[in-house]
Amino acid sequence: MAKAVVAIITVTLTTFSTVACSDDGFILKSGAGEILGNGIVVKASPRTGTESSILVEQTFEKGGTTGLHLHQQGDELFYIVSGRGAATLSGSEVAIGPGDVIFVPASAVHRIRNIDNDDPLRVVFFMDSPELVDLFRAIHERYQQDPNRPITPEEFAELERQTGGGLSVN
């Protein structure tokens, strides 16, 4: 009988500096992951052993939003863990809450946001495309270099172009 080897990842630092994973997969414990800005925690990506898929948890404080955008490289699935907010899809905005699932086909314009709820909106999303995490990392690195200067729309567009991570609509 073959013995399965499963790595347990317990990284809680800003980046995965010592990731133990194997060809058989990994287990990421609660509270662990690659912590980036804007409430983003990367739970799985090619850095942790996936071939091309990503799983990301994002927490939106009151007023937090993704902004309207699209991804040409693949579909995206969202699962609402906790909190309340709104999802925009196909030009319609719908209230979202715990247990809701949002499917966004490739190239569909969408947005997730916590409009005015005091409780954070916690969302997990999945894509079979690592470029989005590359964009998140590029944004995080830019803020680390100059945290007091907001990213201009031109800088953001250039980061999107360099990483292939998405396309802003506004």
N, C-alpha and C. Protein backbone atom coordinates (compact mmCIF):
# COMPACT_ATOMS: atom_id res chain seq x y z
N MET A 1 0.85 -1.18 0.00
CA MET A 1 0.00 0.00 0.00
C MET A 1 0.89 1.24 0.00
N ALA A 2 0.64 2.13 -0.95
CA ALA A 2 1.45 3.34 -1.05
C ALA A 2 1.08 4.30 0.08
N LYS A 3 2.08 4.94 0.61
CA LYS A 3 1.87 5.91 1.69
C LYS A 3 1.85 7.31 1.08
N ALA A 4 0.78 8.06 1.33
CA ALA A 4 0.66 9.43 0.80
C ALA A 4 1.47 10.38 1.66
N VAL A 5 2.19 11.26 1.01
CA VAL A 5 2.96 12.28 1.71
C VAL A 5 2.22 13.60 1.54
N VAL A 6 1.85 14.22 2.63
CA VAL A 6 1.14 15.49 2.59
C VAL A 6 1.92 16.48 3.43
N ALA A 7 2.23 17.61 2.84
CA ALA A 7 2.94 18.65 3.57
C ALA A 7 1.93 19.53 4.29
N ILE A 8 2.28 20.01 5.44
CA ILE A 8 1.44 20.96 6.18
C ILE A 8 2.15 22.30 6.16
N ILE A 9 1.47 23.31 5.61
CA ILE A 9 2.05 24.64 5.49
C ILE A 9 1.48 25.50 6.60
N THR A 10 2.36 26.10 7.39
CA THR A 10 1.90 26.95 8.49
C THR A 10 2.54 28.33 8.41
N VAL A 11 2.74 28.83 7.24
CA VAL A 11 3.37 30.11 7.04
C VAL A 11 2.37 31.23 7.33
N THR A 12 2.75 32.18 8.16
CA THR A 12 1.89 33.34 8.41
C THR A 12 2.64 34.64 8.17
N LEU A 13 3.80 34.56 7.56
CA LEU A 13 4.58 35.75 7.26
C LEU A 13 4.07 36.38 5.97
N THR A 14 4.70 37.46 5.57
CA THR A 14 4.28 38.17 4.37
C THR A 14 4.42 37.31 3.12
N THR A 15 5.45 36.48 3.04
CA THR A 15 5.62 35.62 1.88
C THR A 15 5.92 34.21 2.34
N PHE A 16 5.80 33.28 1.40
CA PHE A 16 6.14 31.90 1.70
C PHE A 16 7.65 31.76 1.62
N SER A 17 8.34 31.88 2.74
CA SER A 17 9.79 31.78 2.71
C SER A 17 10.25 30.34 2.88
N THR A 18 9.48 29.54 3.58
CA THR A 18 9.82 28.13 3.75
C THR A 18 8.56 27.30 3.58
N VAL A 19 8.25 27.02 2.33
CA VAL A 19 7.07 26.22 2.02
C VAL A 19 7.47 24.78 1.88
N ALA A 20 6.80 23.91 2.60
CA ALA A 20 7.02 22.48 2.47
C ALA A 20 5.81 21.91 1.76
N CYS A 21 6.00 21.46 0.53
CA CYS A 21 4.91 20.82 -0.18
C CYS A 21 5.50 19.69 -1.02
N SER A 22 4.64 18.85 -1.53
CA SER A 22 5.12 17.72 -2.31
C SER A 22 4.24 17.54 -3.53
N ASP A 23 4.60 16.59 -4.36
CA ASP A 23 3.80 16.28 -5.54
C ASP A 23 2.43 15.73 -5.15
N ASP A 24 2.28 15.28 -3.90
CA ASP A 24 1.02 14.73 -3.42
C ASP A 24 0.09 15.81 -2.85
N GLY A 25 0.50 17.07 -2.83
CA GLY A 25 -0.36 18.14 -2.35
C GLY A 25 0.13 18.76 -1.06
N PHE A 26 -0.75 19.50 -0.41
CA PHE A 26 -0.41 20.14 0.86
C PHE A 26 -1.68 20.44 1.63
N ILE A 27 -1.52 20.70 2.89
CA ILE A 27 -2.62 21.14 3.74
C ILE A 27 -2.21 22.49 4.30
N LEU A 28 -3.03 23.48 4.05
CA LEU A 28 -2.76 24.83 4.55
C LEU A 28 -3.68 25.07 5.73
N LYS A 29 -3.12 25.29 6.88
CA LYS A 29 -3.90 25.46 8.09
C LYS A 29 -4.55 26.85 8.13
N SER A 30 -5.64 26.94 8.87
CA SER A 30 -6.36 28.19 9.04
C SER A 30 -5.43 29.29 9.52
N GLY A 31 -5.57 30.48 8.96
CA GLY A 31 -4.74 31.61 9.35
C GLY A 31 -3.42 31.70 8.60
N ALA A 32 -3.12 30.70 7.78
CA ALA A 32 -1.84 30.68 7.05
C ALA A 32 -2.06 31.13 5.61
N GLY A 33 -0.98 31.53 4.97
CA GLY A 33 -1.02 31.92 3.57
C GLY A 33 -0.07 33.07 3.30
N GLU A 34 -0.01 33.45 2.06
CA GLU A 34 0.83 34.56 1.62
C GLU A 34 0.02 35.85 1.76
N ILE A 35 0.37 36.65 2.75
CA ILE A 35 -0.41 37.85 3.07
C ILE A 35 0.05 39.01 2.18
N LEU A 36 -0.90 39.54 1.41
CA LEU A 36 -0.63 40.68 0.55
C LEU A 36 -1.54 41.82 0.99
N GLY A 37 -1.43 42.96 0.36
CA GLY A 37 -2.24 44.11 0.73
C GLY A 37 -3.70 43.96 0.36
N ASN A 38 -4.51 44.90 0.77
CA ASN A 38 -5.93 44.99 0.44
C ASN A 38 -6.72 43.78 0.95
N GLY A 39 -6.31 43.22 2.09
CA GLY A 39 -7.03 42.10 2.69
C GLY A 39 -6.87 40.78 1.97
N ILE A 40 -5.88 40.65 1.11
CA ILE A 40 -5.69 39.46 0.29
C ILE A 40 -4.73 38.49 0.96
N VAL A 41 -5.14 37.21 1.04
CA VAL A 41 -4.28 36.13 1.52
C VAL A 41 -4.32 35.03 0.47
N VAL A 42 -3.19 34.77 -0.17
CA VAL A 42 -3.10 33.71 -1.18
C VAL A 42 -2.98 32.39 -0.45
N LYS A 43 -3.94 31.51 -0.70
CA LYS A 43 -3.98 30.20 -0.04
C LYS A 43 -3.33 29.11 -0.88
N ALA A 44 -3.43 29.21 -2.20
CA ALA A 44 -2.82 28.23 -3.09
C ALA A 44 -2.47 28.91 -4.40
N SER A 45 -1.31 28.57 -4.94
CA SER A 45 -0.84 29.12 -6.21
C SER A 45 0.32 28.23 -6.67
N PRO A 46 0.86 28.50 -7.86
CA PRO A 46 2.02 27.70 -8.28
C PRO A 46 3.19 27.75 -7.30
N ARG A 47 3.31 28.81 -6.50
CA ARG A 47 4.38 28.87 -5.49
C ARG A 47 4.19 27.81 -4.40
N THR A 48 2.95 27.39 -4.18
CA THR A 48 2.69 26.39 -3.14
C THR A 48 2.51 24.99 -3.72
N GLY A 49 2.56 24.88 -5.06
CA GLY A 49 2.50 23.55 -5.65
C GLY A 49 1.39 23.30 -6.65
N THR A 50 0.46 24.25 -6.84
CA THR A 50 -0.57 24.03 -7.86
C THR A 50 0.08 24.19 -9.23
N GLU A 51 -0.52 23.57 -10.23
CA GLU A 51 0.02 23.74 -11.58
C GLU A 51 -0.34 25.09 -12.15
N SER A 52 -1.63 25.44 -12.06
CA SER A 52 -2.03 26.72 -12.65
C SER A 52 -3.18 27.38 -11.90
N SER A 53 -3.78 26.71 -10.94
CA SER A 53 -4.93 27.30 -10.25
C SER A 53 -4.51 28.11 -9.03
N ILE A 54 -5.41 29.01 -8.64
CA ILE A 54 -5.19 29.82 -7.44
C ILE A 54 -6.42 29.79 -6.56
N LEU A 55 -6.21 29.89 -5.26
CA LEU A 55 -7.29 30.05 -4.29
C LEU A 55 -6.87 31.19 -3.39
N VAL A 56 -7.72 32.20 -3.30
CA VAL A 56 -7.38 33.42 -2.57
C VAL A 56 -8.53 33.77 -1.64
N GLU A 57 -8.19 34.22 -0.44
CA GLU A 57 -9.18 34.75 0.49
C GLU A 57 -8.98 36.26 0.54
N GLN A 58 -10.08 37.00 0.45
CA GLN A 58 -9.98 38.45 0.54
C GLN A 58 -11.03 38.96 1.51
N THR A 59 -10.60 39.87 2.38
CA THR A 59 -11.50 40.49 3.35
C THR A 59 -11.68 41.95 2.96
N PHE A 60 -12.94 42.34 2.82
CA PHE A 60 -13.29 43.71 2.45
C PHE A 60 -13.85 44.41 3.67
N GLU A 61 -13.16 45.42 4.15
CA GLU A 61 -13.69 46.24 5.23
C GLU A 61 -14.77 47.15 4.64
N LYS A 62 -15.48 47.87 5.48
CA LYS A 62 -16.54 48.78 5.03
C LYS A 62 -15.99 49.71 3.94
N GLY A 63 -16.67 49.76 2.81
CA GLY A 63 -16.25 50.59 1.69
C GLY A 63 -15.27 49.90 0.75
N GLY A 64 -14.76 48.70 1.11
CA GLY A 64 -13.79 47.99 0.27
C GLY A 64 -14.43 47.44 -0.99
N THR A 65 -13.67 47.48 -2.08
CA THR A 65 -14.19 47.03 -3.38
C THR A 65 -13.07 46.54 -4.28
N THR A 66 -13.42 45.67 -5.22
CA THR A 66 -12.45 45.27 -6.24
C THR A 66 -12.42 46.27 -7.37
N GLY A 67 -13.45 47.07 -7.51
CA GLY A 67 -13.59 47.91 -8.70
C GLY A 67 -14.08 47.03 -9.84
N LEU A 68 -14.74 47.64 -10.82
CA LEU A 68 -15.21 46.88 -11.98
C LEU A 68 -14.02 46.43 -12.81
N HIS A 69 -14.00 45.14 -13.15
CA HIS A 69 -12.89 44.59 -13.92
C HIS A 69 -13.33 43.30 -14.60
N LEU A 70 -12.43 42.75 -15.41
CA LEU A 70 -12.68 41.46 -16.06
C LEU A 70 -11.37 40.71 -16.19
N HIS A 71 -11.48 39.41 -16.42
CA HIS A 71 -10.32 38.55 -16.65
C HIS A 71 -10.57 37.79 -17.95
N GLN A 72 -9.72 38.03 -18.92
CA GLN A 72 -9.87 37.34 -20.20
C GLN A 72 -9.34 35.91 -20.14
N GLN A 73 -8.46 35.63 -19.16
CA GLN A 73 -7.77 34.35 -19.14
C GLN A 73 -8.54 33.20 -18.53
N GLY A 74 -9.70 33.46 -17.92
CA GLY A 74 -10.44 32.33 -17.37
C GLY A 74 -11.62 32.72 -16.50
N ASP A 75 -12.43 31.70 -16.19
CA ASP A 75 -13.57 31.87 -15.30
C ASP A 75 -13.09 32.11 -13.88
N GLU A 76 -13.97 32.68 -13.06
CA GLU A 76 -13.66 32.91 -11.64
C GLU A 76 -14.88 32.51 -10.81
N LEU A 77 -14.62 31.85 -9.70
CA LEU A 77 -15.67 31.45 -8.76
C LEU A 77 -15.41 32.10 -7.42
N PHE A 78 -16.47 32.67 -6.82
CA PHE A 78 -16.39 33.29 -5.51
C PHE A 78 -17.30 32.52 -4.55
N TYR A 79 -16.86 32.37 -3.31
CA TYR A 79 -17.69 31.82 -2.25
C TYR A 79 -17.68 32.82 -1.10
N ILE A 80 -18.85 33.22 -0.63
CA ILE A 80 -18.94 34.20 0.45
C ILE A 80 -18.87 33.44 1.78
N VAL A 81 -17.81 33.69 2.54
CA VAL A 81 -17.59 33.01 3.82
C VAL A 81 -18.39 33.69 4.92
N SER A 82 -18.29 35.01 5.00
CA SER A 82 -19.00 35.75 6.05
C SER A 82 -19.17 37.20 5.63
N GLY A 83 -20.08 37.88 6.31
CA GLY A 83 -20.34 39.28 6.02
C GLY A 83 -21.37 39.45 4.92
N ARG A 84 -21.63 40.69 4.62
CA ARG A 84 -22.61 41.04 3.59
C ARG A 84 -22.00 42.08 2.66
N GLY A 85 -22.44 42.07 1.42
CA GLY A 85 -21.94 43.02 0.45
C GLY A 85 -22.78 43.00 -0.80
N ALA A 86 -22.15 43.32 -1.92
CA ALA A 86 -22.83 43.33 -3.21
C ALA A 86 -21.89 42.82 -4.28
N ALA A 87 -22.47 42.11 -5.24
CA ALA A 87 -21.72 41.65 -6.41
C ALA A 87 -22.36 42.27 -7.64
N THR A 88 -21.52 42.77 -8.53
CA THR A 88 -22.00 43.29 -9.80
C THR A 88 -21.58 42.31 -10.88
N LEU A 89 -22.56 41.89 -11.68
CA LEU A 89 -22.32 40.95 -12.76
C LEU A 89 -23.34 41.25 -13.85
N SER A 90 -22.87 41.34 -15.08
CA SER A 90 -23.75 41.65 -16.21
C SER A 90 -24.52 42.94 -16.00
N GLY A 91 -23.89 43.92 -15.36
CA GLY A 91 -24.50 45.23 -15.16
C GLY A 91 -25.50 45.30 -14.03
N SER A 92 -25.77 44.17 -13.37
CA SER A 92 -26.72 44.16 -12.25
C SER A 92 -25.98 43.97 -10.95
N GLU A 93 -26.41 44.71 -9.92
CA GLU A 93 -25.82 44.55 -8.60
C GLU A 93 -26.80 43.79 -7.72
N VAL A 94 -26.27 42.74 -7.03
CA VAL A 94 -27.09 41.87 -6.21
C VAL A 94 -26.46 41.78 -4.82
N ALA A 95 -27.31 41.80 -3.79
CA ALA A 95 -26.82 41.63 -2.42
C ALA A 95 -26.28 40.21 -2.26
N ILE A 96 -25.15 40.09 -1.52
CA ILE A 96 -24.54 38.78 -1.28
C ILE A 96 -24.30 38.58 0.21
N GLY A 97 -24.28 37.32 0.63
CA GLY A 97 -24.07 37.00 2.03
C GLY A 97 -23.51 35.60 2.17
N PRO A 98 -23.29 35.16 3.40
CA PRO A 98 -22.66 33.87 3.68
C PRO A 98 -23.31 32.70 2.92
N GLY A 99 -22.46 31.89 2.30
CA GLY A 99 -22.91 30.71 1.57
C GLY A 99 -23.21 30.96 0.11
N ASP A 100 -23.28 32.23 -0.31
CA ASP A 100 -23.56 32.53 -1.72
C ASP A 100 -22.34 32.19 -2.58
N VAL A 101 -22.61 31.77 -3.80
CA VAL A 101 -21.57 31.47 -4.79
C VAL A 101 -21.81 32.37 -6.00
N ILE A 102 -20.74 32.92 -6.52
CA ILE A 102 -20.81 33.77 -7.70
C ILE A 102 -19.92 33.15 -8.77
N PHE A 103 -20.48 32.86 -9.92
CA PHE A 103 -19.70 32.35 -11.05
C PHE A 103 -19.56 33.48 -12.05
N VAL A 104 -18.32 33.78 -12.43
CA VAL A 104 -18.03 34.84 -13.39
C VAL A 104 -17.30 34.22 -14.58
N PRO A 105 -17.96 34.13 -15.74
CA PRO A 105 -17.28 33.58 -16.90
C PRO A 105 -16.16 34.51 -17.39
N ALA A 106 -15.21 33.95 -18.09
CA ALA A 106 -14.11 34.74 -18.65
C ALA A 106 -14.69 35.93 -19.42
N SER A 107 -14.04 37.07 -19.27
CA SER A 107 -14.37 38.33 -19.95
C SER A 107 -15.66 39.00 -19.47
N ALA A 108 -16.29 38.49 -18.40
CA ALA A 108 -17.48 39.15 -17.86
C ALA A 108 -17.04 40.23 -16.87
N VAL A 109 -17.61 41.41 -16.99
CA VAL A 109 -17.30 42.52 -16.09
C VAL A 109 -17.97 42.24 -14.74
N HIS A 110 -17.19 42.39 -13.67
CA HIS A 110 -17.72 42.09 -12.34
C HIS A 110 -17.03 42.92 -11.27
N ARG A 111 -17.65 42.91 -10.06
CA ARG A 111 -17.10 43.63 -8.91
C ARG A 111 -17.68 42.99 -7.66
N ILE A 112 -16.88 42.94 -6.59
CA ILE A 112 -17.32 42.53 -5.27
C ILE A 112 -17.03 43.70 -4.34
N ARG A 113 -18.00 44.02 -3.44
CA ARG A 113 -17.73 45.12 -2.53
C ARG A 113 -18.56 45.04 -1.25
N ASN A 114 -18.01 45.64 -0.24
CA ASN A 114 -18.71 45.82 1.03
C ASN A 114 -19.11 47.28 1.06
N ILE A 115 -20.33 47.55 0.70
CA ILE A 115 -20.78 48.92 0.51
C ILE A 115 -20.76 49.72 1.80
N ASP A 116 -21.52 49.27 2.80
CA ASP A 116 -21.62 50.07 4.02
C ASP A 116 -21.83 49.23 5.27
N ASN A 117 -21.38 47.99 5.23
CA ASN A 117 -21.53 47.11 6.39
C ASN A 117 -20.32 47.25 7.30
N ASP A 118 -20.58 47.39 8.59
CA ASP A 118 -19.48 47.50 9.56
C ASP A 118 -18.70 46.19 9.68
N ASP A 119 -19.40 45.05 9.51
CA ASP A 119 -18.72 43.75 9.58
C ASP A 119 -17.99 43.50 8.27
N PRO A 120 -16.77 42.99 8.33
CA PRO A 120 -16.03 42.70 7.10
C PRO A 120 -16.74 41.65 6.25
N LEU A 121 -16.58 41.76 4.95
CA LEU A 121 -17.05 40.78 3.98
C LEU A 121 -15.86 39.89 3.65
N ARG A 122 -15.96 38.59 3.92
CA ARG A 122 -14.86 37.65 3.67
C ARG A 122 -15.26 36.73 2.53
N VAL A 123 -14.43 36.72 1.49
CA VAL A 123 -14.72 36.02 0.24
C VAL A 123 -13.53 35.12 -0.10
N VAL A 124 -13.81 33.92 -0.61
CA VAL A 124 -12.77 33.05 -1.15
C VAL A 124 -13.04 32.93 -2.64
N PHE A 125 -11.98 33.08 -3.46
CA PHE A 125 -12.19 32.92 -4.89
C PHE A 125 -11.15 32.01 -5.51
N PHE A 126 -11.58 31.37 -6.60
CA PHE A 126 -10.78 30.38 -7.31
C PHE A 126 -10.72 30.74 -8.78
N MET A 127 -9.54 30.60 -9.36
CA MET A 127 -9.35 30.73 -10.81
C MET A 127 -8.33 29.69 -11.25
N ASP A 128 -8.51 29.19 -12.45
CA ASP A 128 -7.53 28.26 -13.00
C ASP A 128 -6.54 29.06 -13.86
N SER A 129 -5.97 30.08 -13.24
CA SER A 129 -5.06 30.97 -13.93
C SER A 129 -4.25 31.75 -12.89
N PRO A 130 -2.94 31.57 -12.85
CA PRO A 130 -2.14 32.21 -11.81
C PRO A 130 -1.83 33.69 -12.04
N GLU A 131 -2.17 34.23 -13.20
CA GLU A 131 -1.80 35.62 -13.49
C GLU A 131 -2.39 36.61 -12.51
N LEU A 132 -3.57 36.33 -11.99
CA LEU A 132 -4.19 37.26 -11.06
C LEU A 132 -3.35 37.42 -9.79
N VAL A 133 -2.81 36.32 -9.28
CA VAL A 133 -1.95 36.40 -8.09
C VAL A 133 -0.67 37.16 -8.42
N ASP A 134 -0.17 36.99 -9.64
CA ASP A 134 1.02 37.75 -10.05
C ASP A 134 0.72 39.25 -10.01
N LEU A 135 -0.48 39.65 -10.43
CA LEU A 135 -0.87 41.06 -10.35
C LEU A 135 -0.95 41.51 -8.90
N PHE A 136 -1.56 40.71 -8.03
CA PHE A 136 -1.64 41.07 -6.60
C PHE A 136 -0.25 41.26 -6.01
N ARG A 137 0.66 40.36 -6.37
CA ARG A 137 2.04 40.47 -5.85
C ARG A 137 2.72 41.73 -6.36
N ALA A 138 2.52 42.05 -7.64
CA ALA A 138 3.13 43.25 -8.22
C ALA A 138 2.60 44.51 -7.53
N ILE A 139 1.30 44.55 -7.25
CA ILE A 139 0.72 45.69 -6.54
C ILE A 139 1.29 45.78 -5.13
N HIS A 140 1.39 44.64 -4.46
CA HIS A 140 1.94 44.59 -3.10
C HIS A 140 3.39 45.09 -3.08
N GLU A 141 4.20 44.62 -4.04
CA GLU A 141 5.60 45.04 -4.11
C GLU A 141 5.72 46.54 -4.37
N ARG A 142 4.85 47.07 -5.25
CA ARG A 142 4.87 48.51 -5.52
C ARG A 142 4.54 49.31 -4.26
N TYR A 143 3.52 48.87 -3.51
CA TYR A 143 3.18 49.57 -2.26
C TYR A 143 4.29 49.44 -1.22
N GLN A 144 4.98 48.32 -1.20
CA GLN A 144 6.10 48.14 -0.27
C GLN A 144 7.21 49.14 -0.58
N GLN A 145 7.44 49.42 -1.86
CA GLN A 145 8.50 50.34 -2.28
C GLN A 145 8.16 51.79 -1.94
N ASP A 146 6.89 52.15 -2.07
CA ASP A 146 6.49 53.55 -1.86
C ASP A 146 5.08 53.59 -1.29
N PRO A 147 4.93 53.24 0.00
CA PRO A 147 3.60 53.10 0.60
C PRO A 147 2.79 54.39 0.70
N ASN A 148 3.42 55.53 0.63
CA ASN A 148 2.72 56.79 0.78
C ASN A 148 2.20 57.38 -0.53
N ARG A 149 2.57 56.75 -1.64
CA ARG A 149 2.13 57.26 -2.94
C ARG A 149 1.13 56.29 -3.56
N PRO A 150 -0.10 56.74 -3.80
CA PRO A 150 -1.09 55.86 -4.43
C PRO A 150 -0.64 55.41 -5.82
N ILE A 151 -1.08 54.24 -6.22
CA ILE A 151 -0.80 53.76 -7.57
C ILE A 151 -1.68 54.54 -8.54
N THR A 152 -1.07 55.10 -9.56
CA THR A 152 -1.83 55.85 -10.57
C THR A 152 -2.54 54.86 -11.50
N PRO A 153 -3.58 55.32 -12.18
CA PRO A 153 -4.24 54.45 -13.16
C PRO A 153 -3.27 53.94 -14.23
N GLU A 154 -2.31 54.78 -14.60
CA GLU A 154 -1.32 54.38 -15.61
C GLU A 154 -0.40 53.28 -15.07
N GLU A 155 0.03 53.41 -13.81
CA GLU A 155 0.85 52.37 -13.19
C GLU A 155 0.09 51.05 -13.09
N PHE A 156 -1.19 51.15 -12.67
CA PHE A 156 -2.01 49.95 -12.53
C PHE A 156 -2.17 49.26 -13.87
N ALA A 157 -2.45 50.03 -14.91
CA ALA A 157 -2.60 49.46 -16.25
C ALA A 157 -1.31 48.77 -16.70
N GLU A 158 -0.17 49.37 -16.37
CA GLU A 158 1.11 48.76 -16.73
C GLU A 158 1.34 47.47 -15.96
N LEU A 159 0.98 47.43 -14.67
CA LEU A 159 1.11 46.19 -13.89
C LEU A 159 0.20 45.10 -14.46
N GLU A 160 -1.01 45.49 -14.85
CA GLU A 160 -1.92 44.52 -15.48
C GLU A 160 -1.32 43.98 -16.77
N ARG A 161 -0.75 44.86 -17.57
CA ARG A 161 -0.14 44.45 -18.84
C ARG A 161 1.03 43.51 -18.60
N GLN A 162 1.88 43.83 -17.62
CA GLN A 162 3.06 43.01 -17.34
C GLN A 162 2.71 41.63 -16.81
N THR A 163 1.66 41.54 -16.00
CA THR A 163 1.32 40.26 -15.36
C THR A 163 0.22 39.49 -16.09
N GLY A 164 -0.58 40.18 -16.90
CA GLY A 164 -1.72 39.52 -17.54
C GLY A 164 -2.83 39.23 -16.55
N GLY A 165 -2.82 39.95 -15.41
CA GLY A 165 -3.72 39.64 -14.30
C GLY A 165 -5.14 40.12 -14.38
N GLY A 166 -5.49 40.97 -15.28
CA GLY A 166 -6.87 41.45 -15.35
C GLY A 166 -6.94 42.72 -16.15
N LEU A 167 -8.13 43.18 -16.36
CA LEU A 167 -8.32 44.42 -17.08
C LEU A 167 -9.33 45.27 -16.34
N SER A 168 -8.91 46.45 -15.92
CA SER A 168 -9.82 47.36 -15.23
C SER A 168 -10.80 47.94 -16.23
N VAL A 169 -12.01 48.13 -15.75
CA VAL A 169 -13.03 48.74 -16.60
C VAL A 169 -13.14 50.22 -16.28
N ASN A 170 -13.00 50.56 -14.98
CA ASN A 170 -12.98 51.98 -14.58
C ASN A 170 -12.11 52.15 -13.39
